[in-house]
Amino acid sequence: MTCATIKDLVDVYLLWAQRRYRKHGRISRQYQNLSAMLTHLLAVVVPAERLLDRAATCPETGARALRDVPPGEFSIADFEDYLDHLCHLKGRGDEPIAVSTVNKYRGWTLQFFGWAAKERQGYIEPAVHFRLKQVEEVEPGRTPARRTAKIKSAKEEHVRELIQFCRKHAAELPVRTPHQRQRRRRWQLLALALEVHWESGMRPGELVQMRQCDLSVERDNEGEVWWLYTAPTFKTEHHAGEERTIYLNAIAQMALGEAIELNRYDGPQQMFDWAHGFDDTMRIWPWKASDPDAARNGYYGAVTNALKMAKIPHCAPNQIRHAFATRAAAVDLEGARAQLGHRNIKTTEGYLDRDGQAARKLLDRL
């Protein structure tokens, strides 16, 4: 099969990517990322002065979309135009797109042309891919793209205040109807989920899919009892290919036990009919969408809404994970790496805030 234009090559690549990027029978988020990247690539317009003899120009604009350029004629200048196009895009809140996002798209574009240059594909010459690799990453401050700010750790007082607000708000809600009881239960579960999240440092996606059947008990050499949570699916399982085990301390155990009981009963009265059939294969938390991304977004939305109601400074769930990394790494960096599920210790070090990095250096000197 031959591809006369980049648009043809993109169509073939996306068909391959649909089969390649699947996770537990579903198309993964990476396919969506690649699709977005290629959509922007096809939208770039080539100036007429650089078309040379590649094709006739558009009579209206004196230029031609990059989608009509033959894949083998994709040049360094075309790639630079694409990166410049990305740097001028607007993200959320009408802010410029982040430099890190532009560089991610650069890497995925190189991956796209590298796939096309493989011998079994043979859509372009390997020299084309080698030539494009000479284009350097975008540097902060040299383009309109926004400089990426380091994720800050959540402050413990803000998380504690949010947990107390959720508990207090749940206690003040009326419970005269089943719907009101369900609302109270969701606020109670949000407080418990935040407690477990703060004590374990797991990813939000791992938290929302927790089930009772994924829990086990282990006693260490000192006689301390730990609950072990084996995540059904996790972010890096296609790299690691092994189980993701998260240790839950005594505080997380108590919060989790309370959440399990809330799923079975709501005070003296039973919840809806589905609650009668609750078993250990059902998810513990109330964000039970079939799509893991939707469940995680439900948790994010609940936290954001609670922060606004409590008038507490914004704190994303992932910042809770960063705060755990800073606290755990000050005691044992390797233990923090294992609990967070990082393969590389450098990734864990990147999670630490300045205070945490200073603590690490002090402990290393000692």
Protein backbone atom coordinates (compact mmCIF):
# COMPACT_ATOMS: atom_id res chain seq x y z
CA MET A 1 0.00 0.00 0.00
CA THR A 2 1.31 3.44 -0.93
CA CYS A 3 0.48 6.77 0.70
CA ALA A 4 0.48 9.69 -1.73
CA THR A 5 -0.02 12.32 0.97
CA ILE A 6 0.50 12.78 4.70
CA LYS A 7 -3.29 12.57 5.12
CA ASP A 8 -3.22 9.04 3.64
CA LEU A 9 -0.35 8.10 5.94
CA VAL A 10 -2.23 9.43 8.97
CA ASP A 11 -5.29 7.34 8.10
CA VAL A 12 -3.19 4.17 7.90
CA TYR A 13 -1.35 4.99 11.13
CA LEU A 14 -4.55 5.59 13.11
CA LEU A 15 -5.92 2.22 11.98
CA TRP A 16 -2.72 0.61 13.29
CA ALA A 17 -2.86 2.67 16.51
CA GLN A 18 -6.44 1.51 17.22
CA ARG A 19 -5.13 -2.05 17.42
CA ARG A 20 -1.88 -1.15 19.18
CA TYR A 21 -3.09 1.17 21.94
CA ARG A 22 -5.71 -0.87 23.75
CA LYS A 23 -6.03 -1.58 27.44
CA HIS A 24 -8.39 -4.23 28.83
CA GLY A 25 -10.39 -4.24 25.60
CA ARG A 26 -10.75 -0.44 25.39
CA ILE A 27 -8.89 2.09 23.28
CA SER A 28 -6.47 3.84 25.61
CA ARG A 29 -5.95 7.56 26.14
CA GLN A 30 -2.71 7.39 24.17
CA TYR A 31 -4.71 6.82 20.98
CA GLN A 32 -6.72 9.97 21.73
CA ASN A 33 -3.47 11.89 22.28
CA LEU A 34 -2.03 10.69 18.98
CA SER A 35 -5.25 11.51 17.15
CA ALA A 36 -5.22 15.08 18.53
CA MET A 37 -1.56 15.48 17.57
CA LEU A 38 -2.17 14.35 14.00
CA THR A 39 -5.24 16.58 13.66
CA HIS A 40 -3.06 19.61 14.39
CA LEU A 41 -0.39 18.31 12.01
CA LEU A 42 -2.86 18.12 9.13
CA ALA A 43 -4.09 21.65 9.81
CA VAL A 44 -0.68 23.32 9.23
CA VAL A 45 -0.41 25.39 6.04
CA VAL A 46 2.77 25.39 3.95
CA PRO A 47 3.84 28.85 2.67
CA ALA A 48 3.94 29.14 -1.11
CA GLU A 49 7.63 30.06 -1.20
CA ARG A 50 8.54 26.69 0.29
CA LEU A 51 6.35 24.52 -1.88
CA LEU A 52 8.89 24.44 -4.73
CA ASP A 53 7.71 21.73 -7.11
CA ARG A 54 5.84 19.64 -4.55
CA ALA A 55 2.42 20.61 -5.92
CA ALA A 56 0.39 23.52 -7.16
CA THR A 57 -0.54 26.17 -4.61
CA CYS A 58 -4.04 27.05 -3.57
CA PRO A 59 -5.16 29.97 -5.81
CA GLU A 60 -7.02 31.68 -2.96
CA THR A 61 -4.28 31.69 -0.32
CA GLY A 62 -1.11 31.03 -2.29
CA ALA A 63 -0.39 28.15 0.10
CA ARG A 64 -1.31 24.54 0.68
CA ALA A 65 -2.23 22.48 3.73
CA LEU A 66 0.43 20.13 4.98
CA ARG A 67 -2.04 17.28 4.67
CA ASP A 68 -1.48 17.23 0.87
CA VAL A 69 2.32 17.05 1.02
CA PRO A 70 3.85 13.66 0.11
CA PRO A 71 5.23 11.97 3.28
CA GLY A 72 8.72 11.64 1.87
CA GLU A 73 8.91 15.40 1.26
CA PHE A 74 8.11 16.43 4.80
CA SER A 75 10.99 18.76 5.62
CA ILE A 76 12.64 20.25 8.68
CA ALA A 77 11.01 23.60 7.85
CA ASP A 78 7.59 21.90 7.76
CA PHE A 79 8.25 20.35 11.17
CA GLU A 80 9.31 23.72 12.58
CA ASP A 81 6.14 25.30 11.17
CA TYR A 82 4.13 22.62 12.92
CA LEU A 83 5.81 23.29 16.27
CA ASP A 84 5.27 27.04 15.78
CA HIS A 85 1.59 26.32 15.07
CA LEU A 86 1.35 24.39 18.34
CA CYS A 87 3.05 27.18 20.31
CA HIS A 88 0.32 29.61 19.25
CA LEU A 89 -2.56 27.34 20.29
CA LYS A 90 -4.77 28.21 23.26
CA GLY A 91 -5.42 25.77 26.06
CA ARG A 92 -7.90 25.83 28.92
CA GLY A 93 -9.03 29.24 30.06
CA ASP A 94 -7.73 30.82 26.83
CA GLU A 95 -4.16 30.43 28.11
CA PRO A 96 -1.31 29.50 25.76
CA ILE A 97 -0.56 25.80 25.50
CA ALA A 98 2.24 24.55 27.77
CA VAL A 99 5.79 24.04 26.52
CA SER A 100 5.75 20.48 27.88
CA THR A 101 2.68 19.71 25.75
CA VAL A 102 4.37 21.05 22.61
CA ASN A 103 7.40 18.86 23.27
CA LYS A 104 5.17 15.84 23.89
CA TYR A 105 3.56 16.42 20.49
CA ARG A 106 7.03 16.75 18.98
CA GLY A 107 7.99 13.35 20.38
CA TRP A 108 4.78 11.73 19.15
CA THR A 109 5.31 13.23 15.68
CA LEU A 110 8.78 11.70 15.55
CA GLN A 111 7.25 8.42 16.69
CA PHE A 112 4.73 8.68 13.83
CA PHE A 113 7.41 9.20 11.17
CA GLY A 114 9.63 6.56 12.81
CA TRP A 115 6.79 4.06 12.42
CA ALA A 116 6.43 5.02 8.74
CA ALA A 117 10.17 4.57 8.18
CA LYS A 118 10.34 1.01 9.53
CA GLU A 119 11.29 -1.61 6.99
CA ARG A 120 8.04 -3.54 7.33
CA GLN A 121 6.08 -0.34 6.70
CA GLY A 122 8.29 1.26 4.05
CA TYR A 123 6.17 4.38 3.57
CA ILE A 124 9.13 6.78 3.78
CA GLU A 125 12.90 6.54 3.65
CA PRO A 126 14.66 6.23 7.05
CA ALA A 127 16.63 9.35 6.11
CA VAL A 128 13.44 11.42 6.44
CA HIS A 129 12.97 10.33 10.05
CA PHE A 130 16.66 10.89 10.83
CA ARG A 131 16.46 14.40 9.35
CA LEU A 132 13.42 15.35 11.45
CA LYS A 133 15.17 14.24 14.66
CA GLN A 134 17.54 17.17 14.23
CA VAL A 135 14.75 19.59 15.19
CA GLU A 136 15.29 20.48 18.84
CA GLU A 137 12.69 20.72 21.57
CA VAL A 138 10.91 24.00 22.26
CA GLU A 139 12.54 26.02 25.06
CA PRO A 140 10.56 28.03 27.63
CA GLY A 141 10.58 31.79 27.07
CA ARG A 142 11.45 31.61 23.36
CA THR A 143 7.91 31.02 22.09
CA PRO A 144 4.36 32.11 23.06
CA ALA A 145 3.92 28.71 24.71
CA ARG A 146 3.40 28.87 28.46
CA ARG A 147 6.23 27.92 30.76
CA THR A 148 5.32 24.76 32.65
CA ALA A 149 5.06 25.30 36.39
CA LYS A 150 6.11 22.51 38.73
CA ILE A 151 3.17 20.85 40.46
CA LYS A 152 3.06 22.00 44.06
CA SER A 153 2.27 19.65 46.92
CA ALA A 154 -1.07 20.03 48.67
CA LYS A 155 -0.87 21.61 52.10
CA GLU A 156 -1.89 19.31 54.92
CA GLU A 157 -4.00 21.98 56.62
CA HIS A 158 -6.03 22.46 53.43
CA VAL A 159 -6.65 18.72 53.04
CA ARG A 160 -7.61 18.34 56.72
CA GLU A 161 -9.91 21.35 56.47
CA LEU A 162 -11.55 19.90 53.36
CA ILE A 163 -12.11 16.52 55.06
CA GLN A 164 -13.70 18.22 58.07
CA PHE A 165 -15.91 20.33 55.80
CA CYS A 166 -17.17 17.22 53.95
CA ARG A 167 -17.98 15.47 57.23
CA LYS A 168 -19.70 18.54 58.67
CA HIS A 169 -21.68 19.18 55.48
CA ALA A 170 -22.82 15.54 55.41
CA ALA A 171 -23.95 15.75 59.06
CA GLU A 172 -26.04 18.86 58.34
CA LEU A 173 -27.88 17.42 55.34
CA PRO A 174 -31.51 16.30 55.90
CA VAL A 175 -32.16 12.57 55.47
CA ARG A 176 -35.92 12.38 55.11
CA THR A 177 -35.89 10.85 51.61
CA PRO A 178 -33.77 8.20 49.87
CA HIS A 179 -32.28 10.87 47.61
CA GLN A 180 -31.21 12.96 50.60
CA ARG A 181 -29.66 9.91 52.25
CA GLN A 182 -27.74 9.21 49.06
CA ARG A 183 -26.41 12.78 49.00
CA ARG A 184 -25.24 12.46 52.59
CA ARG A 185 -23.55 9.17 51.83
CA ARG A 186 -21.66 10.65 48.86
CA TRP A 187 -20.29 13.47 51.02
CA GLN A 188 -19.24 10.99 53.69
CA LEU A 189 -17.51 8.82 51.10
CA LEU A 190 -15.71 11.85 49.66
CA ALA A 191 -14.25 12.64 53.10
CA LEU A 192 -13.12 9.02 53.51
CA ALA A 193 -11.66 8.88 49.98
CA LEU A 194 -9.59 12.01 50.70
CA GLU A 195 -8.36 10.40 53.94
CA VAL A 196 -7.28 7.22 52.13
CA HIS A 197 -5.71 9.24 49.32
CA TRP A 198 -3.69 11.38 51.75
CA GLU A 199 -2.39 8.35 53.65
CA SER A 200 -1.56 6.16 50.63
CA GLY A 201 -0.44 8.52 47.85
CA MET A 202 -1.97 6.34 45.14
CA ARG A 203 -3.02 7.73 41.75
CA PRO A 204 -6.60 9.07 41.58
CA GLY A 205 -7.38 6.48 38.88
CA GLU A 206 -6.26 3.70 41.23
CA LEU A 207 -8.34 5.08 44.08
CA VAL A 208 -11.68 5.25 42.26
CA GLN A 209 -11.53 1.64 41.00
CA MET A 210 -10.86 0.13 44.43
CA ARG A 211 -12.91 -2.96 45.30
CA GLN A 212 -13.08 -5.03 48.47
CA CYS A 213 -11.87 -8.12 46.59
CA ASP A 214 -8.64 -6.26 45.72
CA LEU A 215 -7.67 -6.00 49.41
CA SER A 216 -5.53 -8.42 51.40
CA VAL A 217 -3.78 -8.41 54.79
CA GLU A 218 -0.09 -8.76 55.58
CA ARG A 219 1.87 -8.66 58.84
CA ASP A 220 5.46 -7.38 58.70
CA ASN A 221 8.44 -8.59 60.75
CA GLU A 222 7.67 -6.11 63.51
CA GLY A 223 4.13 -7.42 63.88
CA GLU A 224 2.42 -4.42 62.29
CA VAL A 225 -0.63 -5.21 60.18
CA TRP A 226 -0.91 -3.65 56.72
CA TRP A 227 -3.73 -3.83 54.23
CA LEU A 228 -2.50 -4.40 50.69
CA TYR A 229 -4.44 -3.05 47.73
CA THR A 230 -3.71 -4.66 44.35
CA ALA A 231 -4.98 -2.28 41.66
CA PRO A 232 -6.93 -4.04 38.86
CA THR A 233 -5.36 -1.69 36.31
CA PHE A 234 -2.84 1.10 36.57
CA LYS A 235 -1.11 3.71 34.44
CA THR A 236 2.18 1.96 33.66
CA GLU A 237 1.12 -1.69 33.52
CA HIS A 238 1.95 -1.88 29.79
CA HIS A 239 5.56 -1.02 30.76
CA ALA A 240 5.90 -2.81 34.05
CA GLY A 241 3.83 -5.89 33.30
CA GLU A 242 3.50 -6.69 36.98
CA GLU A 243 1.10 -6.14 39.86
CA ARG A 244 0.70 -2.72 41.44
CA THR A 245 0.59 -3.20 45.21
CA ILE A 246 -0.21 -0.28 47.53
CA TYR A 247 0.23 -0.46 51.30
CA LEU A 248 -2.49 1.04 53.51
CA ASN A 249 -1.59 2.10 57.05
CA ALA A 250 -3.86 2.03 60.10
CA ILE A 251 -5.51 5.40 59.38
CA ALA A 252 -6.28 4.41 55.78
CA GLN A 253 -7.59 1.05 57.02
CA MET A 254 -10.07 2.70 59.39
CA ALA A 255 -11.31 5.10 56.69
CA LEU A 256 -11.63 2.27 54.19
CA GLY A 257 -13.49 0.06 56.65
CA GLU A 258 -15.95 2.88 57.34
CA ALA A 259 -16.49 3.34 53.59
CA ILE A 260 -17.21 -0.37 53.11
CA GLU A 261 -19.83 -0.25 55.87
CA LEU A 262 -21.43 2.84 54.35
CA ASN A 263 -21.92 0.89 51.14
CA ARG A 264 -23.87 -1.75 53.05
CA TYR A 265 -25.98 0.40 55.37
CA ASP A 266 -27.07 3.98 55.79
CA GLY A 267 -27.81 4.37 59.48
CA PRO A 268 -30.87 2.43 60.67
CA GLN A 269 -32.41 2.32 57.18
CA GLN A 270 -31.26 0.39 54.14
CA MET A 271 -30.36 2.30 51.01
CA PHE A 272 -31.82 1.54 47.61
CA ASP A 273 -32.42 -1.98 46.40
CA TRP A 274 -29.01 -2.22 44.74
CA ALA A 275 -27.34 -1.74 48.14
CA HIS A 276 -28.83 -5.02 49.36
CA GLY A 277 -26.75 -6.84 46.77
CA PHE A 278 -23.45 -5.13 47.58
CA ASP A 279 -20.58 -7.59 47.48
CA ASP A 280 -16.80 -7.47 47.40
CA THR A 281 -16.65 -7.16 43.59
CA MET A 282 -18.39 -3.75 43.55
CA ARG A 283 -16.42 -0.53 43.69
CA ILE A 284 -16.19 1.05 47.12
CA TRP A 285 -16.32 4.69 46.06
CA PRO A 286 -19.35 6.39 44.46
CA TRP A 287 -17.62 7.20 41.15
CA LYS A 288 -18.57 3.97 39.38
CA ALA A 289 -18.45 4.89 35.65
CA SER A 290 -17.62 2.02 33.29
CA ASP A 291 -14.90 4.19 31.75
CA PRO A 292 -11.97 4.57 34.21
CA ASP A 293 -11.30 8.10 32.92
CA ALA A 294 -14.88 9.15 33.64
CA ALA A 295 -14.68 7.72 37.17
CA ARG A 296 -11.45 9.59 37.84
CA ASN A 297 -12.93 12.81 36.46
CA GLY A 298 -15.90 12.34 38.78
CA TYR A 299 -13.54 12.29 41.76
CA TYR A 300 -11.75 15.40 40.47
CA GLY A 301 -15.08 17.17 40.02
CA ALA A 302 -16.28 16.26 43.50
CA VAL A 303 -13.07 17.59 45.08
CA THR A 304 -13.22 20.81 43.04
CA ASN A 305 -16.86 21.40 44.00
CA ALA A 306 -16.15 20.79 47.70
CA LEU A 307 -13.18 23.20 47.62
CA LYS A 308 -15.36 25.93 46.14
CA MET A 309 -18.10 25.39 48.71
CA ALA A 310 -15.60 25.41 51.58
CA LYS A 311 -13.73 28.43 50.12
CA ILE A 312 -10.41 26.60 50.40
CA PRO A 313 -7.59 27.34 47.92
CA HIS A 314 -7.69 25.02 44.92
CA CYS A 315 -5.96 21.69 45.42
CA ALA A 316 -6.06 19.00 42.71
CA PRO A 317 -6.11 15.33 43.81
CA ASN A 318 -2.75 14.78 42.11
CA GLN A 319 -1.25 17.41 44.43
CA ILE A 320 -2.22 15.14 47.33
CA ARG A 321 -0.09 12.44 45.73
CA HIS A 322 2.84 14.88 45.45
CA ALA A 323 2.45 15.81 49.13
CA PHE A 324 2.62 12.13 50.08
CA ALA A 325 5.78 11.75 47.98
CA THR A 326 7.47 14.60 49.85
CA ARG A 327 6.54 13.19 53.26
CA ALA A 328 7.49 9.60 52.44
CA ALA A 329 10.76 10.44 50.67
CA ALA A 330 12.00 12.35 53.72
CA VAL A 331 11.98 8.98 55.54
CA ASP A 332 12.78 6.46 52.80
CA LEU A 333 13.16 7.48 49.15
CA GLU A 334 13.15 3.91 47.83
CA GLY A 335 10.05 3.09 49.87
CA ALA A 336 8.33 6.18 48.48
CA ARG A 337 9.22 5.09 44.95
CA ALA A 338 7.70 1.64 45.48
CA GLN A 339 4.52 3.01 47.09
CA LEU A 340 4.02 5.56 44.29
CA GLY A 341 4.55 2.93 41.59
CA HIS A 342 7.48 4.64 39.86
CA ARG A 343 9.99 2.56 37.92
CA ASN A 344 12.70 5.24 38.07
CA ILE A 345 13.86 6.94 41.26
CA LYS A 346 14.32 10.17 39.28
CA THR A 347 10.58 10.32 38.73
CA THR A 348 10.01 10.20 42.47
CA GLU A 349 12.58 12.92 43.07
CA GLY A 350 10.74 15.10 40.55
CA TYR A 351 7.60 14.82 42.70
CA LEU A 352 9.26 16.43 45.72
CA ASP A 353 8.74 20.10 46.50
CA ARG A 354 11.68 22.30 47.49
CA ASP A 355 11.37 21.47 51.19
CA GLY A 356 11.32 17.78 50.35
CA GLN A 357 14.36 18.07 48.11
CA ALA A 358 16.23 19.91 50.86
CA ALA A 359 15.30 17.19 53.35
CA ARG A 360 16.57 14.52 50.97
CA LYS A 361 19.93 16.27 50.55
CA LEU A 362 20.25 16.64 54.33
CA LEU A 363 19.54 12.94 54.92
CA ASP A 364 21.98 11.96 52.16
CA ARG A 365 24.73 13.99 53.87
CA LEU A 366 23.98 12.35 57.19
